Amino acid sequence: REPRQALIAGPRGTEVLERIAAGAGEWMAPGGLVACEIGETQGAVVKEAFSVLGNARIRPDLAGLDRYVIVRCEP
């Protein structure tokens, strides 16, 4: 069961992911990995938000739809 806060991200749907991307640099060690599930239409926006941490990559699910952002935090 997901908390309501995890299901309601805001009007754009990316607000929670943007907050994670903005704050991850403060709590992650260099070389650490962040991986988050995303909506199938959010790839470009989420990739841009996570690019502040390093080389953000968008990966597809089994149907070929954008589904995950993965980024290794650069030192």
C-alpha atoms as a PDB file:
ATOM      1  CA  ARG A   1       0.000   0.000   0.000  1.00  0.00           C
ATOM      2  CA  GLU A   2       1.509   3.299  -1.097  1.00  0.00           C
ATOM      3  CA  PRO A   3       1.128   6.474   0.967  1.00  0.00           C
ATOM      4  CA  ARG A   4      -1.010   9.139  -0.724  1.00  0.00           C
ATOM      5  CA  GLN A   5       2.037  11.430  -0.897  1.00  0.00           C
ATOM      6  CA  ALA A   6       3.797   8.857  -3.111  1.00  0.00           C
ATOM      7  CA  LEU A   7       0.863   8.664  -5.524  1.00  0.00           C
ATOM      8  CA  ILE A   8       0.045  12.363  -5.913  1.00  0.00           C
ATOM      9  CA  ALA A   9       3.121  14.056  -7.330  1.00  0.00           C
ATOM     10  CA  GLY A  10       1.629  17.441  -8.230  1.00  0.00           C
ATOM     11  CA  PRO A  11       0.113  19.023 -11.337  1.00  0.00           C
ATOM     12  CA  ARG A  12       2.975  18.009 -13.652  1.00  0.00           C
ATOM     13  CA  GLY A  13       3.462  14.579 -12.103  1.00  0.00           C
ATOM     14  CA  THR A  14       7.207  15.041 -11.739  1.00  0.00           C
ATOM     15  CA  GLU A  15       7.426  17.164  -8.600  1.00  0.00           C
ATOM     16  CA  VAL A  16       8.442  14.317  -6.270  1.00  0.00           C
ATOM     17  CA  LEU A  17      11.107  13.121  -8.704  1.00  0.00           C
ATOM     18  CA  GLU A  18      12.417  16.668  -9.072  1.00  0.00           C
ATOM     19  CA  ARG A  19      12.702  16.959  -5.270  1.00  0.00           C
ATOM     20  CA  ILE A  20      14.606  13.658  -5.130  1.00  0.00           C
ATOM     21  CA  ALA A  21      16.981  14.849  -7.858  1.00  0.00           C
ATOM     22  CA  ALA A  22      17.519  18.218  -6.176  1.00  0.00           C
ATOM     23  CA  GLY A  23      18.294  16.687  -2.785  1.00  0.00           C
ATOM     24  CA  ALA A  24      20.143  13.493  -3.673  1.00  0.00           C
ATOM     25  CA  GLY A  25      23.511  15.210  -3.964  1.00  0.00           C
ATOM     26  CA  GLU A  26      23.336  16.079  -0.256  1.00  0.00           C
ATOM     27  CA  TRP A  27      22.889  12.507   0.989  1.00  0.00           C
ATOM     28  CA  MET A  28      24.584  10.377  -1.646  1.00  0.00           C
ATOM     29  CA  ALA A  29      28.219   9.392  -1.647  1.00  0.00           C
ATOM     30  CA  PRO A  30      30.227   9.983  -4.838  1.00  0.00           C
ATOM     31  CA  GLY A  31      29.665   7.009  -7.115  1.00  0.00           C
ATOM     32  CA  GLY A  32      26.301   6.252  -5.489  1.00  0.00           C
ATOM     33  CA  LEU A  33      23.404   5.194  -7.691  1.00  0.00           C
ATOM     34  CA  VAL A  34      19.883   6.599  -7.842  1.00  0.00           C
ATOM     35  CA  ALA A  35      17.169   4.647  -9.656  1.00  0.00           C
ATOM     36  CA  CYS A  36      13.526   5.747  -9.762  1.00  0.00           C
ATOM     37  CA  GLU A  37      10.454   4.567 -11.588  1.00  0.00           C
ATOM     38  CA  ILE A  38       8.925   7.207 -13.870  1.00  0.00           C
ATOM     39  CA  GLY A  39       5.804   7.641 -15.952  1.00  0.00           C
ATOM     40  CA  GLU A  40       6.070   6.714 -19.605  1.00  0.00           C
ATOM     41  CA  THR A  41       5.762  10.357 -20.725  1.00  0.00           C
ATOM     42  CA  GLN A  42       8.173  11.829 -18.165  1.00  0.00           C
ATOM     43  CA  GLY A  43      11.537  10.731 -19.583  1.00  0.00           C
ATOM     44  CA  ALA A  44      12.844  14.032 -20.945  1.00  0.00           C
ATOM     45  CA  VAL A  45      11.817  16.154 -17.957  1.00  0.00           C
ATOM     46  CA  VAL A  46      13.092  13.651 -15.395  1.00  0.00           C
ATOM     47  CA  LYS A  47      16.372  13.118 -17.261  1.00  0.00           C
ATOM     48  CA  GLU A  48      17.003  16.859 -17.192  1.00  0.00           C
ATOM     49  CA  ALA A  49      16.251  17.052 -13.453  1.00  0.00           C
ATOM     50  CA  PHE A  50      18.578  14.152 -12.599  1.00  0.00           C
ATOM     51  CA  SER A  51      21.371  15.355 -14.897  1.00  0.00           C
ATOM     52  CA  VAL A  52      22.563  17.688 -12.117  1.00  0.00           C
ATOM     53  CA  LEU A  53      23.845  14.534 -10.371  1.00  0.00           C
ATOM     54  CA  GLY A  54      25.657  12.961 -13.319  1.00  0.00           C
ATOM     55  CA  ASN A  55      24.918  11.088 -16.534  1.00  0.00           C
ATOM     56  CA  ALA A  56      21.189  10.358 -16.158  1.00  0.00           C
ATOM     57  CA  ARG A  57      19.860   7.560 -18.344  1.00  0.00           C
ATOM     58  CA  ILE A  58      16.260   6.684 -19.108  1.00  0.00           C
ATOM     59  CA  ARG A  59      15.567   2.964 -19.430  1.00  0.00           C
ATOM     60  CA  PRO A  60      12.493   1.263 -20.883  1.00  0.00           C
ATOM     61  CA  ASP A  61      10.193  -1.358 -19.430  1.00  0.00           C
ATOM     62  CA  LEU A  62       9.447  -4.634 -21.234  1.00  0.00           C
ATOM     63  CA  ALA A  63       6.926  -2.849 -23.478  1.00  0.00           C
ATOM     64  CA  GLY A  64       9.617  -0.402 -24.619  1.00  0.00           C
ATOM     65  CA  LEU A  65       8.136   2.573 -22.743  1.00  0.00           C
ATOM     66  CA  ASP A  66      10.261   4.965 -20.675  1.00  0.00           C
ATOM     67  CA  ARG A  67      10.025   3.593 -17.130  1.00  0.00           C
ATOM     68  CA  TYR A  68      13.185   4.240 -15.083  1.00  0.00           C
ATOM     69  CA  VAL A  69      15.770   6.928 -14.558  1.00  0.00           C
ATOM     70  CA  ILE A  70      19.201   5.766 -13.449  1.00  0.00           C
ATOM     71  CA  VAL A  71      22.094   8.034 -12.534  1.00  0.00           C
ATOM     72  CA  ARG A  72      25.406   7.480 -10.803  1.00  0.00           C
ATOM     73  CA  CYS A  73      26.392  10.485  -8.707  1.00  0.00           C
ATOM     74  CA  GLU A  74      29.622  12.028  -9.885  1.00  0.00           C
ATOM     75  CA  PRO A  75      32.238  13.164  -7.374  1.00  0.00           C
END
